[in-house]
Amino acid sequence: MRKRNVQILFRLSEEEAEYLHSLVKKSGRSREALLRSMVTGYRLCEKPDPEFYKIMRELSAIGNRINQLAAKANALGFVDAPMLREEAGKWHSFQIDVRKKYLLPKRAAG
């Protein structure tokens, strides 16, 4: 059985429909996903520009290199592996924070 089995049909003016379409385009989500988020109290989070994704790929690559260094240092035993792991953990937290800020919908105030 479907999780969402209630269908709601409603009408919009041309201006309202255009505005909804612009919100959908800005969010990069489907119309249904956008409306469901809004109904549950989240506000629009615009889809970041392509530069954001380029930055995230680079940040991810840097994080991978840190992890590779940590593995090598641990195997050779000449670098403070716990400190390097701690830095990698901080890096991972930073990535999560950036995703939350730019990608995840935020609950509307009120």
PDB file of N, CA and C in Angstrom:
ATOM      1  N   MET A   1       0.843  -1.193   0.000  1.00  0.00           N
ATOM      2  CA  MET A   1       0.000   0.000   0.000  1.00  0.00           C
ATOM      3  C   MET A   1       0.880   1.245   0.000  1.00  0.00           C
ATOM      4  N   ARG A   2       0.460   2.240  -0.719  1.00  0.00           N
ATOM      5  CA  ARG A   2       1.213   3.482  -0.803  1.00  0.00           C
ATOM      6  C   ARG A   2       1.250   4.208   0.529  1.00  0.00           C
ATOM      7  N   LYS A   3       2.356   4.860   0.772  1.00  0.00           N
ATOM      8  CA  LYS A   3       2.492   5.661   1.987  1.00  0.00           C
ATOM      9  C   LYS A   3       1.674   6.940   1.877  1.00  0.00           C
ATOM     10  N   ARG A   4       1.651   7.509   0.687  1.00  0.00           N
ATOM     11  CA  ARG A   4       0.900   8.747   0.453  1.00  0.00           C
ATOM     12  C   ARG A   4      -0.317   8.406  -0.395  1.00  0.00           C
ATOM     13  N   ASN A   5      -1.423   8.177   0.267  1.00  0.00           N
ATOM     14  CA  ASN A   5      -2.616   7.754  -0.464  1.00  0.00           C
ATOM     15  C   ASN A   5      -3.710   8.823  -0.508  1.00  0.00           C
ATOM     16  N   VAL A   6      -3.433  10.028  -0.023  1.00  0.00           N
ATOM     17  CA  VAL A   6      -4.412  11.122  -0.068  1.00  0.00           C
ATOM     18  C   VAL A   6      -4.021  12.047  -1.216  1.00  0.00           C
ATOM     19  N   GLN A   7      -4.940  12.233  -2.128  1.00  0.00           N
ATOM     20  CA  GLN A   7      -4.696  13.106  -3.270  1.00  0.00           C
ATOM     21  C   GLN A   7      -5.465  14.404  -3.062  1.00  0.00           C
ATOM     22  N   ILE A   8      -4.796  15.524  -3.298  1.00  0.00           N
ATOM     23  CA  ILE A   8      -5.433  16.839  -3.136  1.00  0.00           C
ATOM     24  C   ILE A   8      -5.328  17.583  -4.459  1.00  0.00           C
ATOM     25  N   LEU A   9      -6.434  18.025  -4.957  1.00  0.00           N
ATOM     26  CA  LEU A   9      -6.472  18.793  -6.190  1.00  0.00           C
ATOM     27  C   LEU A   9      -6.891  20.220  -5.847  1.00  0.00           C
ATOM     28  N   PHE A  10      -6.134  21.192  -6.312  1.00  0.00           N
ATOM     29  CA  PHE A  10      -6.530  22.588  -6.098  1.00  0.00           C
ATOM     30  C   PHE A  10      -6.113  23.417  -7.290  1.00  0.00           C
ATOM     31  N   ARG A  11      -6.712  24.566  -7.410  1.00  0.00           N
ATOM     32  CA  ARG A  11      -6.475  25.436  -8.554  1.00  0.00           C
ATOM     33  C   ARG A  11      -5.654  26.649  -8.132  1.00  0.00           C
ATOM     34  N   LEU A  12      -4.863  27.137  -9.091  1.00  0.00           N
ATOM     35  CA  LEU A  12      -4.045  28.329  -8.883  1.00  0.00           C
ATOM     36  C   LEU A  12      -4.318  29.318  -9.998  1.00  0.00           C
ATOM     37  N   SER A  13      -4.115  30.590  -9.695  1.00  0.00           N
ATOM     38  CA  SER A  13      -4.174  31.596 -10.752  1.00  0.00           C
ATOM     39  C   SER A  13      -2.902  31.458 -11.581  1.00  0.00           C
ATOM     40  N   GLU A  14      -2.865  32.124 -12.726  1.00  0.00           N
ATOM     41  CA  GLU A  14      -1.663  32.080 -13.563  1.00  0.00           C
ATOM     42  C   GLU A  14      -0.447  32.594 -12.789  1.00  0.00           C
ATOM     43  N   GLU A  15      -0.630  33.690 -12.047  1.00  0.00           N
ATOM     44  CA  GLU A  15       0.477  34.264 -11.282  1.00  0.00           C
ATOM     45  C   GLU A  15       0.950  33.302 -10.203  1.00  0.00           C
ATOM     46  N   GLU A  16       0.014  32.677  -9.506  1.00  0.00           N
ATOM     47  CA  GLU A  16       0.380  31.710  -8.468  1.00  0.00           C
ATOM     48  C   GLU A  16       1.117  30.511  -9.064  1.00  0.00           C
ATOM     49  N   ALA A  17       0.621  30.044 -10.205  1.00  0.00           N
ATOM     50  CA  ALA A  17       1.252  28.902 -10.859  1.00  0.00           C
ATOM     51  C   ALA A  17       2.671  29.253 -11.319  1.00  0.00           C
ATOM     52  N   GLU A  18       2.844  30.457 -11.854  1.00  0.00           N
ATOM     53  CA  GLU A  18       4.173  30.893 -12.274  1.00  0.00           C
ATOM     54  C   GLU A  18       5.121  30.993 -11.081  1.00  0.00           C
ATOM     55  N   TYR A  19       4.590  31.512  -9.970  1.00  0.00           N
ATOM     56  CA  TYR A  19       5.409  31.632  -8.761  1.00  0.00           C
ATOM     57  C   TYR A  19       5.797  30.241  -8.247  1.00  0.00           C
ATOM     58  N   LEU A  20       4.849  29.318  -8.225  1.00  0.00           N
ATOM     59  CA  LEU A  20       5.143  27.951  -7.800  1.00  0.00           C
ATOM     60  C   LEU A  20       6.204  27.340  -8.717  1.00  0.00           C
ATOM     61  N   HIS A  21       6.055  27.539 -10.007  1.00  0.00           N
ATOM     62  CA  HIS A  21       7.040  27.015 -10.958  1.00  0.00           C
ATOM     63  C   HIS A  21       8.430  27.605 -10.693  1.00  0.00           C
ATOM     64  N   SER A  22       8.494  28.895 -10.367  1.00  0.00           N
ATOM     65  CA  SER A  22       9.797  29.513 -10.082  1.00  0.00           C
ATOM     66  C   SER A  22      10.406  28.928  -8.805  1.00  0.00           C
ATOM     67  N   LEU A  23       9.576  28.656  -7.799  1.00  0.00           N
ATOM     68  CA  LEU A  23      10.075  28.036  -6.567  1.00  0.00           C
ATOM     69  C   LEU A  23      10.620  26.636  -6.843  1.00  0.00           C
ATOM     70  N   VAL A  24       9.893  25.879  -7.662  1.00  0.00           N
ATOM     71  CA  VAL A  24      10.324  24.527  -8.013  1.00  0.00           C
ATOM     72  C   VAL A  24      11.665  24.586  -8.743  1.00  0.00           C
ATOM     73  N   LYS A  25      11.779  25.520  -9.669  1.00  0.00           N
ATOM     74  CA  LYS A  25      13.013  25.655 -10.443  1.00  0.00           C
ATOM     75  C   LYS A  25      14.182  26.036  -9.530  1.00  0.00           C
ATOM     76  N   LYS A  26      13.953  26.967  -8.611  1.00  0.00           N
ATOM     77  CA  LYS A  26      14.999  27.396  -7.688  1.00  0.00           C
ATOM     78  C   LYS A  26      15.436  26.265  -6.761  1.00  0.00           C
ATOM     79  N   SER A  27      14.490  25.443  -6.346  1.00  0.00           N
ATOM     80  CA  SER A  27      14.808  24.389  -5.380  1.00  0.00           C
ATOM     81  C   SER A  27      15.476  23.180  -6.026  1.00  0.00           C
ATOM     82  N   GLY A  28      15.220  22.968  -7.322  1.00  0.00           N
ATOM     83  CA  GLY A  28      15.771  21.795  -7.982  1.00  0.00           C
ATOM     84  C   GLY A  28      15.054  20.512  -7.587  1.00  0.00           C
ATOM     85  N   ARG A  29      13.895  20.632  -6.983  1.00  0.00           N
ATOM     86  CA  ARG A  29      13.118  19.479  -6.534  1.00  0.00           C
ATOM     87  C   ARG A  29      11.850  19.384  -7.375  1.00  0.00           C
ATOM     88  N   SER A  30      11.129  18.300  -7.180  1.00  0.00           N
ATOM     89  CA  SER A  30       9.854  18.183  -7.879  1.00  0.00           C
ATOM     90  C   SER A  30       8.828  19.086  -7.197  1.00  0.00           C
ATOM     91  N   ARG A  31       7.766  19.402  -7.922  1.00  0.00           N
ATOM     92  CA  ARG A  31       6.704  20.230  -7.350  1.00  0.00           C
ATOM     93  C   ARG A  31       6.117  19.556  -6.114  1.00  0.00           C
ATOM     94  N   GLU A  32       5.881  18.256  -6.205  1.00  0.00           N
ATOM     95  CA  GLU A  32       5.291  17.517  -5.096  1.00  0.00           C
ATOM     96  C   GLU A  32       6.203  17.513  -3.874  1.00  0.00           C
ATOM     97  N   ALA A  33       7.502  17.284  -4.100  1.00  0.00           N
ATOM     98  CA  ALA A  33       8.451  17.266  -2.980  1.00  0.00           C
ATOM     99  C   ALA A  33       8.537  18.638  -2.322  1.00  0.00           C
ATOM    100  N   LEU A  34       8.536  19.694  -3.131  1.00  0.00           N
ATOM    101  CA  LEU A  34       8.573  21.044  -2.590  1.00  0.00           C
ATOM    102  C   LEU A  34       7.337  21.330  -1.740  1.00  0.00           C
ATOM    103  N   LEU A  35       6.163  21.010  -2.261  1.00  0.00           N
ATOM    104  CA  LEU A  35       4.926  21.267  -1.514  1.00  0.00           C
ATOM    105  C   LEU A  35       4.854  20.444  -0.236  1.00  0.00           C
ATOM    106  N   ARG A  36       5.284  19.178  -0.302  1.00  0.00           N
ATOM    107  CA  ARG A  36       5.279  18.348   0.919  1.00  0.00           C
ATOM    108  C   ARG A  36       6.196  18.946   1.978  1.00  0.00           C
ATOM    109  N   SER A  37       7.357  19.436   1.575  1.00  0.00           N
ATOM    110  CA  SER A  37       8.274  20.061   2.530  1.00  0.00           C
ATOM    111  C   SER A  37       7.653  21.302   3.151  1.00  0.00           C
ATOM    112  N   MET A  38       7.018  22.097   2.320  1.00  0.00           N
ATOM    113  CA  MET A  38       6.403  23.325   2.822  1.00  0.00           C
ATOM    114  C   MET A  38       5.251  23.015   3.779  1.00  0.00           C
ATOM    115  N   VAL A  39       4.469  21.995   3.474  1.00  0.00           N
ATOM    116  CA  VAL A  39       3.339  21.620   4.334  1.00  0.00           C
ATOM    117  C   VAL A  39       3.830  21.155   5.702  1.00  0.00           C
ATOM    118  N   THR A  40       4.999  20.505   5.736  1.00  0.00           N
ATOM    119  CA  THR A  40       5.529  20.014   7.005  1.00  0.00           C
ATOM    120  C   THR A  40       6.385  21.044   7.733  1.00  0.00           C
ATOM    121  N   GLY A  41       6.378  22.303   7.256  1.00  0.00           N
ATOM    122  CA  GLY A  41       7.000  23.389   7.998  1.00  0.00           C
ATOM    123  C   GLY A  41       8.398  23.781   7.570  1.00  0.00           C
ATOM    124  N   TYR A  42       8.840  23.329   6.414  1.00  0.00           N
ATOM    125  CA  TYR A  42      10.170  23.707   5.940  1.00  0.00           C
ATOM    126  C   TYR A  42      10.052  24.844   4.937  1.00  0.00           C
ATOM    127  N   ARG A  43      11.087  25.701   4.915  1.00  0.00           N
ATOM    128  CA  ARG A  43      11.095  26.793   3.944  1.00  0.00           C
ATOM    129  C   ARG A  43      11.983  26.404   2.768  1.00  0.00           C
ATOM    130  N   LEU A  44      11.829  27.111   1.692  1.00  0.00           N
ATOM    131  CA  LEU A  44      12.563  26.837   0.470  1.00  0.00           C
ATOM    132  C   LEU A  44      14.059  27.000   0.684  1.00  0.00           C
ATOM    133  N   CYS A  45      14.803  26.054   0.186  1.00  0.00           N
ATOM    134  CA  CYS A  45      16.255  26.129   0.160  1.00  0.00           C
ATOM    135  C   CYS A  45      16.644  26.051  -1.308  1.00  0.00           C
ATOM    136  N   GLU A  46      17.105  27.176  -1.855  1.00  0.00           N
ATOM    137  CA  GLU A  46      17.410  27.209  -3.278  1.00  0.00           C
ATOM    138  C   GLU A  46      18.551  26.264  -3.620  1.00  0.00           C
ATOM    139  N   LYS A  47      18.464  25.693  -4.803  1.00  0.00           N
ATOM    140  CA  LYS A  47      19.521  24.828  -5.290  1.00  0.00           C
ATOM    141  C   LYS A  47      20.768  25.681  -5.504  1.00  0.00           C
ATOM    142  N   PRO A  48      21.901  25.234  -4.957  1.00  0.00           N
ATOM    143  CA  PRO A  48      23.131  26.022  -5.126  1.00  0.00           C
ATOM    144  C   PRO A  48      23.567  26.079  -6.585  1.00  0.00           C
ATOM    145  N   ASP A  49      24.390  27.066  -6.887  1.00  0.00           N
ATOM    146  CA  ASP A  49      24.902  27.178  -8.252  1.00  0.00           C
ATOM    147  C   ASP A  49      25.951  26.087  -8.496  1.00  0.00           C
ATOM    148  N   PRO A  50      26.309  25.853  -9.751  1.00  0.00           N
ATOM    149  CA  PRO A  50      27.268  24.784 -10.081  1.00  0.00           C
ATOM    150  C   PRO A  50      28.612  24.927  -9.357  1.00  0.00           C
ATOM    151  N   GLU A  51      29.005  26.145  -9.046  1.00  0.00           N
ATOM    152  CA  GLU A  51      30.267  26.369  -8.335  1.00  0.00           C
ATOM    153  C   GLU A  51      30.274  25.671  -6.977  1.00  0.00           C
ATOM    154  N   PHE A  52      29.116  25.644  -6.298  1.00  0.00           N
ATOM    155  CA  PHE A  52      29.010  24.973  -5.003  1.00  0.00           C
ATOM    156  C   PHE A  52      29.387  23.497  -5.133  1.00  0.00           C
ATOM    157  N   TYR A  53      28.865  22.841  -6.166  1.00  0.00           N
ATOM    158  CA  TYR A  53      29.132  21.415  -6.339  1.00  0.00           C
ATOM    159  C   TYR A  53      30.600  21.169  -6.679  1.00  0.00           C
ATOM    160  N   LYS A  54      31.206  22.096  -7.415  1.00  0.00           N
ATOM    161  CA  LYS A  54      32.626  21.989  -7.718  1.00  0.00           C
ATOM    162  C   LYS A  54      33.439  22.081  -6.422  1.00  0.00           C
ATOM    163  N   ILE A  55      33.072  23.013  -5.561  1.00  0.00           N
ATOM    164  CA  ILE A  55      33.749  23.180  -4.270  1.00  0.00           C
ATOM    165  C   ILE A  55      33.571  21.934  -3.415  1.00  0.00           C
ATOM    166  N   MET A  56      32.356  21.394  -3.382  1.00  0.00           N
ATOM    167  CA  MET A  56      32.110  20.193  -2.574  1.00  0.00           C
ATOM    168  C   MET A  56      32.925  19.003  -3.078  1.00  0.00           C
ATOM    169  N   ARG A  57      33.067  18.854  -4.404  1.00  0.00           N
ATOM    170  CA  ARG A  57      33.889  17.766  -4.943  1.00  0.00           C
ATOM    171  C   ARG A  57      35.346  17.925  -4.513  1.00  0.00           C
ATOM    172  N   GLU A  58      35.826  19.164  -4.569  1.00  0.00           N
ATOM    173  CA  GLU A  58      37.206  19.422  -4.162  1.00  0.00           C
ATOM    174  C   GLU A  58      37.390  19.166  -2.666  1.00  0.00           C
ATOM    175  N   LEU A  59      36.445  19.608  -1.871  1.00  0.00           N
ATOM    176  CA  LEU A  59      36.528  19.360  -0.429  1.00  0.00           C
ATOM    177  C   LEU A  59      36.523  17.862  -0.139  1.00  0.00           C
ATOM    178  N   SER A  60      35.715  17.135  -0.868  1.00  0.00           N
ATOM    179  CA  SER A  60      35.657  15.690  -0.692  1.00  0.00           C
ATOM    180  C   SER A  60      36.987  15.041  -1.071  1.00  0.00           C
ATOM    181  N   ALA A  61      37.591  15.520  -2.151  1.00  0.00           N
ATOM    182  CA  ALA A  61      38.889  14.984  -2.573  1.00  0.00           C
ATOM    183  C   ALA A  61      39.955  15.257  -1.511  1.00  0.00           C
ATOM    184  N   ILE A  62      39.920  16.440  -0.930  1.00  0.00           N
ATOM    185  CA  ILE A  62      40.877  16.777   0.129  1.00  0.00           C
ATOM    186  C   ILE A  62      40.669  15.854   1.322  1.00  0.00           C
ATOM    187  N   GLY A  63      39.427  15.645   1.683  1.00  0.00           N
ATOM    188  CA  GLY A  63      39.130  14.737   2.788  1.00  0.00           C
ATOM    189  C   GLY A  63      39.627  13.322   2.519  1.00  0.00           C
ATOM    190  N   ASN A  64      39.467  12.865   1.291  1.00  0.00           N
ATOM    191  CA  ASN A  64      39.966  11.535   0.937  1.00  0.00           C
ATOM    192  C   ASN A  64      41.483  11.470   1.058  1.00  0.00           C
ATOM    193  N   ARG A  65      42.162  12.530   0.639  1.00  0.00           N
ATOM    194  CA  ARG A  65      43.625  12.552   0.753  1.00  0.00           C
ATOM    195  C   ARG A  65      44.058  12.546   2.221  1.00  0.00           C
ATOM    196  N   ILE A  66      43.337  13.250   3.061  1.00  0.00           N
ATOM    197  CA  ILE A  66      43.654  13.242   4.495  1.00  0.00           C
ATOM    198  C   ILE A  66      43.519  11.822   5.040  1.00  0.00           C
ATOM    199  N   ASN A  67      42.462  11.139   4.649  1.00  0.00           N
ATOM    200  CA  ASN A  67      42.277   9.765   5.116  1.00  0.00           C
ATOM    201  C   ASN A  67      43.383   8.844   4.607  1.00  0.00           C
ATOM    202  N   GLN A  68      43.814   9.033   3.367  1.00  0.00           N
ATOM    203  CA  GLN A  68      44.908   8.231   2.827  1.00  0.00           C
ATOM    204  C   GLN A  68      46.208   8.498   3.590  1.00  0.00           C
ATOM    205  N   LEU A  69      46.453   9.767   3.903  1.00  0.00           N
ATOM    206  CA  LEU A  69      47.643  10.110   4.693  1.00  0.00           C
ATOM    207  C   LEU A  69      47.587   9.474   6.077  1.00  0.00           C
ATOM    208  N   ALA A  70      46.424   9.496   6.675  1.00  0.00           N
ATOM    209  CA  ALA A  70      46.277   8.896   8.000  1.00  0.00           C
ATOM    210  C   ALA A  70      46.564   7.399   7.963  1.00  0.00           C
ATOM    211  N   ALA A  71      46.074   6.728   6.944  1.00  0.00           N
ATOM    212  CA  ALA A  71      46.307   5.283   6.823  1.00  0.00           C
ATOM    213  C   ALA A  71      47.792   4.999   6.629  1.00  0.00           C
ATOM    214  N   LYS A  72      48.435   5.770   5.769  1.00  0.00           N
ATOM    215  CA  LYS A  72      49.860   5.576   5.506  1.00  0.00           C
ATOM    216  C   LYS A  72      50.687   5.889   6.751  1.00  0.00           C
ATOM    217  N   ALA A  73      50.375   6.990   7.415  1.00  0.00           N
ATOM    218  CA  ALA A  73      51.101   7.376   8.618  1.00  0.00           C
ATOM    219  C   ALA A  73      50.942   6.329   9.716  1.00  0.00           C
ATOM    220  N   ASN A  74      49.761   5.790   9.841  1.00  0.00           N
ATOM    221  CA  ASN A  74      49.516   4.763  10.848  1.00  0.00           C
ATOM    222  C   ASN A  74      50.319   3.507  10.530  1.00  0.00           C
ATOM    223  N   ALA A  75      50.385   3.141   9.243  1.00  0.00           N
ATOM    224  CA  ALA A  75      51.124   1.945   8.836  1.00  0.00           C
ATOM    225  C   ALA A  75      52.629   2.127   9.053  1.00  0.00           C
ATOM    226  N   LEU A  76      53.149   3.315   8.765  1.00  0.00           N
ATOM    227  CA  LEU A  76      54.580   3.564   8.904  1.00  0.00           C
ATOM    228  C   LEU A  76      54.971   3.967  10.324  1.00  0.00           C
ATOM    229  N   GLY A  77      54.000   4.460  11.070  1.00  0.00           N
ATOM    230  CA  GLY A  77      54.210   4.774  12.478  1.00  0.00           C
ATOM    231  C   GLY A  77      55.059   6.006  12.754  1.00  0.00           C
ATOM    232  N   PHE A  78      55.081   6.985  11.855  1.00  0.00           N
ATOM    233  CA  PHE A  78      55.912   8.159  12.121  1.00  0.00           C
ATOM    234  C   PHE A  78      55.121   9.458  12.232  1.00  0.00           C
ATOM    235  N   VAL A  79      53.817   9.406  12.154  1.00  0.00           N
ATOM    236  CA  VAL A  79      52.988  10.589  12.308  1.00  0.00           C
ATOM    237  C   VAL A  79      51.978  10.321  13.419  1.00  0.00           C
ATOM    238  N   ASP A  80      51.578  11.370  14.114  1.00  0.00           N
ATOM    239  CA  ASP A  80      50.599  11.235  15.184  1.00  0.00           C
ATOM    240  C   ASP A  80      49.240  10.882  14.568  1.00  0.00           C
ATOM    241  N   ALA A  81      48.986   9.589  14.450  1.00  0.00           N
ATOM    242  CA  ALA A  81      47.759   9.115  13.794  1.00  0.00           C
ATOM    243  C   ALA A  81      46.493   9.600  14.508  1.00  0.00           C
ATOM    244  N   PRO A  82      46.441   9.590  15.852  1.00  0.00           N
ATOM    245  CA  PRO A  82      45.213  10.097  16.505  1.00  0.00           C
ATOM    246  C   PRO A  82      44.919  11.557  16.162  1.00  0.00           C
ATOM    247  N   MET A  83      45.964  12.364  16.097  1.00  0.00           N
ATOM    248  CA  MET A  83      45.758  13.769  15.751  1.00  0.00           C
ATOM    249  C   MET A  83      45.251  13.899  14.311  1.00  0.00           C
ATOM    250  N   LEU A  84      45.839  13.137  13.418  1.00  0.00           N
ATOM    251  CA  LEU A  84      45.405  13.183  12.028  1.00  0.00           C
ATOM    252  C   LEU A  84      43.964  12.702  11.880  1.00  0.00           C
ATOM    253  N   ARG A  85      43.600  11.659  12.621  1.00  0.00           N
ATOM    254  CA  ARG A  85      42.203  11.178  12.597  1.00  0.00           C
ATOM    255  C   ARG A  85      41.252  12.239  13.139  1.00  0.00           C
ATOM    256  N   GLU A  86      41.691  12.947  14.179  1.00  0.00           N
ATOM    257  CA  GLU A  86      40.855  14.020  14.742  1.00  0.00           C
ATOM    258  C   GLU A  86      40.626  15.114  13.706  1.00  0.00           C
ATOM    259  N   GLU A  87      41.681  15.475  12.978  1.00  0.00           N
ATOM    260  CA  GLU A  87      41.545  16.489  11.929  1.00  0.00           C
ATOM    261  C   GLU A  87      40.620  16.001  10.816  1.00  0.00           C
ATOM    262  N   ALA A  88      40.735  14.742  10.452  1.00  0.00           N
ATOM    263  CA  ALA A  88      39.841  14.180   9.428  1.00  0.00           C
ATOM    264  C   ALA A  88      38.395  14.227   9.914  1.00  0.00           C
ATOM    265  N   GLY A  89      38.181  13.972  11.206  1.00  0.00           N
ATOM    266  CA  GLY A  89      36.836  14.063  11.783  1.00  0.00           C
ATOM    267  C   GLY A  89      36.287  15.477  11.728  1.00  0.00           C
ATOM    268  N   LYS A  90      37.139  16.443  12.016  1.00  0.00           N
ATOM    269  CA  LYS A  90      36.729  17.854  11.920  1.00  0.00           C
ATOM    270  C   LYS A  90      36.352  18.198  10.480  1.00  0.00           C
ATOM    271  N   TRP A  91      37.147  17.684   9.556  1.00  0.00           N
ATOM    272  CA  TRP A  91      36.874  17.919   8.143  1.00  0.00           C
ATOM    273  C   TRP A  91      35.520  17.350   7.748  1.00  0.00           C
ATOM    274  N   HIS A  92      35.250  16.134   8.206  1.00  0.00           N
ATOM    275  CA  HIS A  92      33.970  15.490   7.894  1.00  0.00           C
ATOM    276  C   HIS A  92      32.810  16.319   8.463  1.00  0.00           C
ATOM    277  N   SER A  93      32.955  16.812   9.683  1.00  0.00           N
ATOM    278  CA  SER A  93      31.917  17.658  10.289  1.00  0.00           C
ATOM    279  C   SER A  93      31.699  18.926   9.472  1.00  0.00           C
ATOM    280  N   PHE A  94      32.793  19.498   8.976  1.00  0.00           N
ATOM    281  CA  PHE A  94      32.687  20.686   8.141  1.00  0.00           C
ATOM    282  C   PHE A  94      31.883  20.393   6.884  1.00  0.00           C
ATOM    283  N   GLN A  95      32.162  19.259   6.247  1.00  0.00           N
ATOM    284  CA  GLN A  95      31.411  18.885   5.048  1.00  0.00           C
ATOM    285  C   GLN A  95      29.923  18.769   5.351  1.00  0.00           C
ATOM    286  N   ILE A  96      29.579  18.154   6.465  1.00  0.00           N
ATOM    287  CA  ILE A  96      28.180  17.991   6.852  1.00  0.00           C
ATOM    288  C   ILE A  96      27.535  19.366   7.077  1.00  0.00           C
ATOM    289  N   ASP A  97      28.250  20.255   7.754  1.00  0.00           N
ATOM    290  CA  ASP A  97      27.724  21.605   8.010  1.00  0.00           C
ATOM    291  C   ASP A  97      27.458  22.352   6.709  1.00  0.00           C
ATOM    292  N   VAL A  98      28.365  22.228   5.750  1.00  0.00           N
ATOM    293  CA  VAL A  98      28.184  22.904   4.457  1.00  0.00           C
ATOM    294  C   VAL A  98      26.961  22.341   3.748  1.00  0.00           C
ATOM    295  N   ARG A  99      26.802  21.019   3.760  1.00  0.00           N
ATOM    296  CA  ARG A  99      25.623  20.409   3.127  1.00  0.00           C
ATOM    297  C   ARG A  99      24.338  20.887   3.786  1.00  0.00           C
ATOM    298  N   LYS A 100      24.333  20.943   5.124  1.00  0.00           N
ATOM    299  CA  LYS A 100      23.140  21.407   5.836  1.00  0.00           C
ATOM    300  C   LYS A 100      22.802  22.841   5.446  1.00  0.00           C
ATOM    301  N   LYS A 101      23.823  23.664   5.345  1.00  0.00           N
ATOM    302  CA  LYS A 101      23.590  25.077   5.042  1.00  0.00           C
ATOM    303  C   LYS A 101      23.088  25.283   3.627  1.00  0.00           C
ATOM    304  N   TYR A 102      23.645  24.554   2.663  1.00  0.00           N
ATOM    305  CA  TYR A 102      23.340  24.817   1.262  1.00  0.00           C
ATOM    306  C   TYR A 102      22.337  23.874   0.630  1.00  0.00           C
ATOM    307  N   LEU A 103      22.174  22.676   1.157  1.00  0.00           N
ATOM    308  CA  LEU A 103      21.355  21.687   0.449  1.00  0.00           C
ATOM    309  C   LEU A 103      20.081  21.264   1.159  1.00  0.00           C
ATOM    310  N   LEU A 104      20.112  21.136   2.450  1.00  0.00           N
ATOM    311  CA  LEU A 104      18.960  20.597   3.156  1.00  0.00           C
ATOM    312  C   LEU A 104      17.903  21.673   3.410  1.00  0.00           C
ATOM    313  N   PRO A 105      16.637  21.314   3.300  1.00  0.00           N
ATOM    314  CA  PRO A 105      15.592  22.305   3.605  1.00  0.00           C
ATOM    315  C   PRO A 105      15.626  22.668   5.093  1.00  0.00           C
ATOM    316  N   LYS A 106      15.217  23.883   5.386  1.00  0.00           N
ATOM    317  CA  LYS A 106      15.218  24.364   6.771  1.00  0.00           C
ATOM    318  C   LYS A 106      13.786  24.569   7.234  1.00  0.00           C
ATOM    319  N   ARG A 107      13.531  24.269   8.500  1.00  0.00           N
ATOM    320  CA  ARG A 107      12.204  24.448   9.065  1.00  0.00           C
ATOM    321  C   ARG A 107      11.876  25.939   9.106  1.00  0.00           C
ATOM    322  N   ALA A 108      10.707  26.295   8.654  1.00  0.00           N
ATOM    323  CA  ALA A 108      10.271  27.688   8.626  1.00  0.00           C
ATOM    324  C   ALA A 108      10.054  28.195  10.047  1.00  0.00           C
ATOM    325  N   ALA A 109      10.342  29.462  10.273  1.00  0.00           N
ATOM    326  CA  ALA A 109      10.127  30.070  11.582  1.00  0.00           C
ATOM    327  C   ALA A 109       8.645  30.232  11.840  1.00  0.00           C
ATOM    328  N   GLY A 110       8.287  30.077  13.094  1.00  0.00           N
ATOM    329  CA  GLY A 110       6.875  30.312  13.389  1.00  0.00           C
ATOM    330  C   GLY A 110       6.202  29.301  14.176  1.00  0.00           C
TER     331      GLY A 110
END
